């Protein structure tokens, strides 16, 4: 499936928001407070509210 959405914001802002969300999710699920430079080779599975597994 492919989806295209035009957003009125810089790509760097969107990327920063996604990264903050990822770091928050990792912290709430594992208790580990990581920084961006610690994410390489880090993997976790998240289940969405609709119970679909995200990876």
N, C-alpha and C. Protein backbone atom coordinates (compact mmCIF):
# COMPACT_ATOMS: atom_id res chain seq x y z
N UNK A 1 0.85 -1.17 0.00
CA UNK A 1 0.00 0.00 0.00
C UNK A 1 0.89 1.23 0.00
N UNK A 2 0.52 2.20 -0.75
CA UNK A 2 1.27 3.44 -0.82
C UNK A 2 0.33 4.60 -0.51
N UNK A 3 0.84 5.55 0.26
CA UNK A 3 0.02 6.69 0.64
C UNK A 3 0.87 7.94 0.52
N UNK A 4 0.28 9.01 0.04
CA UNK A 4 1.01 10.27 -0.09
C UNK A 4 0.23 11.36 0.63
N UNK A 5 0.93 12.07 1.50
CA UNK A 5 0.32 13.16 2.25
C UNK A 5 1.26 14.36 2.18
N UNK A 6 0.75 15.51 1.87
CA UNK A 6 1.56 16.73 1.85
C UNK A 6 1.36 17.45 3.18
N UNK A 7 2.46 17.70 3.86
CA UNK A 7 2.42 18.37 5.16
C UNK A 7 3.09 19.73 5.04
N UNK A 8 2.56 20.68 5.77
CA UNK A 8 3.13 22.03 5.75
C UNK A 8 4.07 22.20 6.93
N UNK A 9 5.18 21.46 6.87
CA UNK A 9 6.21 21.55 7.90
C UNK A 9 7.51 21.01 7.30
N UNK A 10 8.62 21.45 7.83
CA UNK A 10 9.90 20.94 7.33
C UNK A 10 10.06 19.45 7.66
N UNK A 11 10.74 18.74 6.80
CA UNK A 11 10.98 17.31 7.01
C UNK A 11 11.74 17.07 8.31
N UNK A 12 12.65 17.97 8.66
CA UNK A 12 13.43 17.80 9.89
C UNK A 12 12.53 17.86 11.12
N UNK A 13 11.52 18.71 11.09
CA UNK A 13 10.58 18.81 12.21
C UNK A 13 9.80 17.50 12.35
N UNK A 14 9.30 16.97 11.24
CA UNK A 14 8.55 15.72 11.27
C UNK A 14 9.43 14.59 11.78
N UNK A 15 10.66 14.52 11.29
CA UNK A 15 11.59 13.49 11.74
C UNK A 15 11.84 13.60 13.24
N UNK A 16 12.05 14.81 13.74
CA UNK A 16 12.27 15.02 15.18
C UNK A 16 11.08 14.54 15.99
N UNK A 17 9.87 14.80 15.53
CA UNK A 17 8.67 14.37 16.24
C UNK A 17 8.55 12.85 16.27
N UNK A 18 8.87 12.21 15.16
CA UNK A 18 8.83 10.74 15.10
C UNK A 18 9.87 10.14 16.04
N UNK A 19 11.07 10.72 16.04
CA UNK A 19 12.12 10.22 16.92
C UNK A 19 11.75 10.37 18.39
N UNK A 20 11.17 11.49 18.76
CA UNK A 20 10.74 11.68 20.15
C UNK A 20 9.68 10.65 20.53
N UNK A 21 8.77 10.35 19.62
CA UNK A 21 7.74 9.35 19.87
C UNK A 21 8.35 7.96 20.05
N UNK A 22 9.32 7.63 19.22
CA UNK A 22 10.01 6.34 19.32
C UNK A 22 10.73 6.23 20.66
N UNK A 23 11.46 7.26 21.04
CA UNK A 23 12.19 7.24 22.31
C UNK A 23 11.23 7.13 23.50
N UNK A 24 10.11 7.82 23.43
CA UNK A 24 9.10 7.75 24.50
C UNK A 24 8.53 6.34 24.59
N UNK A 25 8.18 5.75 23.44
CA UNK A 25 7.63 4.39 23.43
C UNK A 25 8.61 3.38 24.03
N UNK A 26 9.87 3.50 23.65
CA UNK A 26 10.88 2.59 24.19
C UNK A 26 10.98 2.75 25.70
N UNK A 27 10.98 4.00 26.16
CA UNK A 27 11.08 4.25 27.60
C UNK A 27 9.88 3.68 28.36
N UNK A 28 8.68 3.89 27.85
CA UNK A 28 7.49 3.40 28.57
C UNK A 28 7.39 1.88 28.54
N UNK A 29 7.89 1.24 27.50
CA UNK A 29 7.78 -0.21 27.40
C UNK A 29 8.93 -0.96 28.07
N UNK A 30 10.11 -0.35 28.11
CA UNK A 30 11.28 -1.06 28.63
C UNK A 30 11.86 -0.44 29.89
N UNK A 31 11.50 0.81 30.16
CA UNK A 31 12.09 1.52 31.29
C UNK A 31 13.47 2.09 30.98
N UNK A 32 13.95 1.84 29.77
CA UNK A 32 15.27 2.34 29.37
C UNK A 32 15.12 3.71 28.73
N UNK A 33 15.93 4.66 29.18
CA UNK A 33 15.91 6.01 28.61
C UNK A 33 17.09 6.12 27.65
N UNK A 34 16.79 5.97 26.38
CA UNK A 34 17.83 5.99 25.36
C UNK A 34 17.93 7.34 24.68
N UNK A 35 19.04 7.55 24.01
CA UNK A 35 19.24 8.73 23.16
C UNK A 35 19.25 8.25 21.72
N UNK A 36 19.09 9.18 20.80
CA UNK A 36 19.03 8.82 19.38
C UNK A 36 20.23 8.01 18.92
N UNK A 37 21.41 8.36 19.41
CA UNK A 37 22.60 7.65 18.96
C UNK A 37 22.71 6.24 19.52
N UNK A 38 21.77 5.83 20.38
CA UNK A 38 21.76 4.49 20.94
C UNK A 38 20.75 3.58 20.24
N UNK A 39 20.08 4.07 19.22
CA UNK A 39 19.02 3.30 18.58
C UNK A 39 19.51 2.30 17.54
N UNK A 40 20.72 2.44 17.07
CA UNK A 40 21.21 1.51 16.06
C UNK A 40 21.19 0.09 16.61
N UNK A 41 20.64 -0.82 15.85
CA UNK A 41 20.49 -2.24 16.22
C UNK A 41 19.49 -2.46 17.35
N UNK A 42 18.79 -1.44 17.77
CA UNK A 42 17.76 -1.60 18.80
C UNK A 42 16.46 -1.97 18.09
N UNK A 43 15.74 -2.92 18.65
CA UNK A 43 14.49 -3.36 18.03
C UNK A 43 13.47 -3.65 19.10
N UNK A 44 12.23 -3.23 18.86
CA UNK A 44 11.14 -3.60 19.74
C UNK A 44 9.87 -3.67 18.92
N UNK A 45 8.89 -4.39 19.42
CA UNK A 45 7.62 -4.56 18.73
C UNK A 45 6.56 -3.79 19.48
N UNK A 46 5.75 -3.08 18.75
CA UNK A 46 4.68 -2.29 19.35
C UNK A 46 3.35 -2.76 18.79
N UNK A 47 2.35 -2.85 19.66
CA UNK A 47 1.01 -3.20 19.23
C UNK A 47 0.17 -1.93 19.25
N UNK A 48 -0.49 -1.65 18.15
CA UNK A 48 -1.30 -0.44 18.06
C UNK A 48 -2.61 -0.64 18.83
N UNK A 49 -3.37 0.42 18.95
CA UNK A 49 -4.64 0.35 19.66
C UNK A 49 -5.62 -0.60 18.97
N UNK A 50 -5.44 -0.79 17.69
CA UNK A 50 -6.32 -1.71 16.95
C UNK A 50 -5.75 -3.12 16.94
N UNK A 51 -4.75 -3.35 17.80
CA UNK A 51 -4.14 -4.66 18.01
C UNK A 51 -3.38 -5.21 16.80
N UNK A 52 -2.93 -4.34 15.93
CA UNK A 52 -2.08 -4.76 14.83
C UNK A 52 -0.65 -4.62 15.30
N UNK A 53 0.15 -5.59 15.00
CA UNK A 53 1.55 -5.55 15.43
C UNK A 53 2.36 -4.66 14.49
N UNK A 54 3.10 -3.73 15.06
CA UNK A 54 3.93 -2.81 14.30
C UNK A 54 5.38 -3.14 14.58
N UNK A 55 6.20 -2.98 13.57
CA UNK A 55 7.61 -3.27 13.77
C UNK A 55 8.45 -2.23 13.10
